[in-house]
C-alpha cells in the first residue's frame, strides 16, 4: 500500500483557517523594568500575503546590479501603520514613532520582520 493510500488527502471545506484573521491580537508590553505591572497594551493585526508584498514595494529597492537596499525606518513605519490596530493608552502615530528604543523594540518584535520579506519568490530569485 502506497503512502498516499495510507494517508488519503482530504480537500478542506472550511477555508477560515487559510485566511488572515480580521481580529487584532492584544499584547502586553512592559514599559518599566522596575515595575513589571506597568504596561501598554498593543493590538496587532496579521498581514495578508498581498499586504506583505506591498511592504516590499514600499521599502525595498533592487538596483540594476542586483544590490538590494531596504529602508528600515520606512519598513518599521509601514509595519506600525499596517499592523498596529490600537493601543491602550491611546498612542498617536507621531508618538508611536517617538517611543524609546527599548519599548519600540518590544513592539516591533511582534511585527513581521524585514527578513520575512526575502523568503518565498523574492528570496528564491536572490539565491539563484
Protein backbone atom coordinates (compact mmCIF):
# COMPACT_ATOMS: atom_id res chain seq x y z
CA UNK A 1 0.00 0.00 0.00
CA UNK A 2 1.41 3.41 -1.01
CA UNK A 3 1.90 6.34 1.34
CA UNK A 4 -0.97 8.21 -0.35
CA UNK A 5 -3.30 5.24 0.04
CA UNK A 6 -2.41 5.02 3.72
CA UNK A 7 -2.97 8.76 4.22
CA UNK A 8 -5.50 9.92 1.63
CA UNK A 9 -5.60 13.66 1.03
CA UNK A 10 -8.78 15.45 2.01
CA UNK A 11 -9.84 18.75 0.49
CA UNK A 12 -10.85 21.07 3.29
CA UNK A 13 -14.34 22.51 3.29
CA UNK A 14 -13.91 25.48 5.62
CA UNK A 15 -11.31 27.96 4.37
CA UNK A 16 -11.32 30.14 7.50
CA UNK A 17 -8.07 28.56 8.70
CA UNK A 18 -6.40 29.73 5.48
CA UNK A 19 -7.39 33.37 5.85
CA UNK A 20 -5.72 36.16 7.78
CA UNK A 21 -7.62 36.87 10.97
CA UNK A 22 -9.58 40.11 10.94
CA UNK A 23 -9.28 40.38 14.72
CA UNK A 24 -6.23 42.06 16.18
CA UNK A 25 -4.49 40.18 19.00
CA UNK A 26 -3.60 42.08 22.17
CA UNK A 27 -0.11 42.01 23.66
CA UNK A 28 1.07 43.49 26.93
CA UNK A 29 4.37 45.38 26.70
CA UNK A 30 6.27 46.01 29.93
CA UNK A 31 7.42 49.62 29.97
CA UNK A 32 9.26 49.83 33.30
CA UNK A 33 11.62 47.01 34.36
CA UNK A 34 11.39 48.26 37.95
CA UNK A 35 7.61 47.94 37.87
CA UNK A 36 6.55 44.89 35.80
CA UNK A 37 2.90 45.81 36.33
CA UNK A 38 3.24 48.98 34.26
CA UNK A 39 2.37 48.09 30.69
CA UNK A 40 0.98 49.36 27.45
CA UNK A 41 -1.37 47.09 25.57
CA UNK A 42 -0.88 46.83 21.82
CA UNK A 43 -3.31 45.17 19.40
CA UNK A 44 -1.54 43.70 16.37
CA UNK A 45 -3.21 42.60 13.12
CA UNK A 46 -1.87 39.92 10.79
CA UNK A 47 -0.88 40.94 7.29
CA UNK A 48 -2.09 39.11 4.22
CA UNK A 49 0.32 37.89 1.57
CA UNK A 50 -0.51 40.86 -0.67
CA UNK A 51 -0.02 43.36 2.16
CA UNK A 52 3.41 41.86 2.81
CA UNK A 53 4.22 42.19 -0.89
CA UNK A 54 3.10 45.83 -0.72
CA UNK A 55 5.71 46.35 2.02
CA UNK A 56 8.37 45.14 -0.41
CA UNK A 57 7.25 47.72 -2.95
CA UNK A 58 7.34 50.45 -0.32
CA UNK A 59 10.73 49.79 1.26
CA UNK A 60 12.90 47.53 -0.91
CA UNK A 61 14.90 48.83 -3.85
CA UNK A 62 16.53 46.42 -6.28
CA UNK A 63 19.34 48.03 -8.26
CA UNK A 64 20.27 47.00 -11.79
CA UNK A 65 23.44 45.35 -10.46
CA UNK A 66 21.39 43.08 -8.17
CA UNK A 67 22.06 45.02 -4.98
CA UNK A 68 19.16 45.09 -2.53
CA UNK A 69 18.57 48.16 -0.34
CA UNK A 70 15.99 48.13 2.46
CA UNK A 71 14.80 51.35 4.07
CA UNK A 72 14.48 50.03 7.65
CA UNK A 73 12.93 53.22 9.02
CA UNK A 74 10.39 53.12 6.20
CA UNK A 75 9.83 49.42 6.84
CA UNK A 76 9.02 49.88 10.54
CA UNK A 77 6.84 52.90 9.84
CA UNK A 78 4.91 50.86 7.26
CA UNK A 79 4.55 47.87 9.60
CA UNK A 80 3.46 50.04 12.53
CA UNK A 81 0.83 51.70 10.31
CA UNK A 82 -0.42 48.42 8.86
CA UNK A 83 -0.21 46.08 11.86
CA UNK A 84 -0.89 48.14 14.96
CA UNK A 85 -4.63 48.39 15.29
CA UNK A 86 -4.74 50.34 18.55
CA UNK A 87 -3.00 50.82 21.88
CA UNK A 88 -4.02 51.35 25.47
CA UNK A 89 -3.37 54.04 26.50
CA UNK A 90 -4.07 55.55 23.10
CA UNK A 91 -0.80 56.41 21.37
CA UNK A 92 -0.89 58.53 18.23
CA UNK A 93 1.24 57.74 15.18
CA UNK A 94 3.71 60.55 15.90
CA UNK A 95 4.05 59.34 19.49
CA UNK A 96 4.44 55.75 18.30
CA UNK A 97 7.36 56.80 16.11
CA UNK A 98 8.92 58.66 19.07
CA UNK A 99 8.87 55.77 21.58
CA UNK A 100 12.02 54.95 23.49
CA UNK A 101 14.10 52.38 21.56
CA UNK A 102 13.70 49.66 24.21
CA UNK A 103 9.90 49.95 24.12
CA UNK A 104 9.74 50.22 20.33
CA UNK A 105 11.95 47.11 20.08
CA UNK A 106 9.44 45.12 22.14
CA UNK A 107 6.60 46.28 19.89
CA UNK A 108 8.45 45.69 16.62
CA UNK A 109 9.32 42.17 17.80
CA UNK A 110 5.58 41.44 17.46
CA UNK A 111 5.51 42.59 13.82
CA UNK A 112 6.70 40.84 10.64
CA UNK A 113 10.48 41.12 10.45
CA UNK A 114 12.46 42.51 7.48
CA UNK A 115 13.98 39.11 6.73
CA UNK A 116 10.42 37.81 6.25
CA UNK A 117 10.29 39.90 3.06
CA UNK A 118 13.06 37.94 1.37
CA UNK A 119 11.54 34.49 1.65
CA UNK A 120 9.47 32.76 -0.97
CA UNK A 121 9.55 34.06 -4.55
CA UNK A 122 11.79 37.07 -3.85
CA UNK A 123 14.21 35.03 -1.76
CA UNK A 124 14.28 32.26 -4.37
CA UNK A 125 15.20 34.80 -7.02
CA UNK A 126 18.03 36.20 -4.92
CA UNK A 127 19.53 32.75 -4.30
CA UNK A 128 19.98 31.99 -7.99
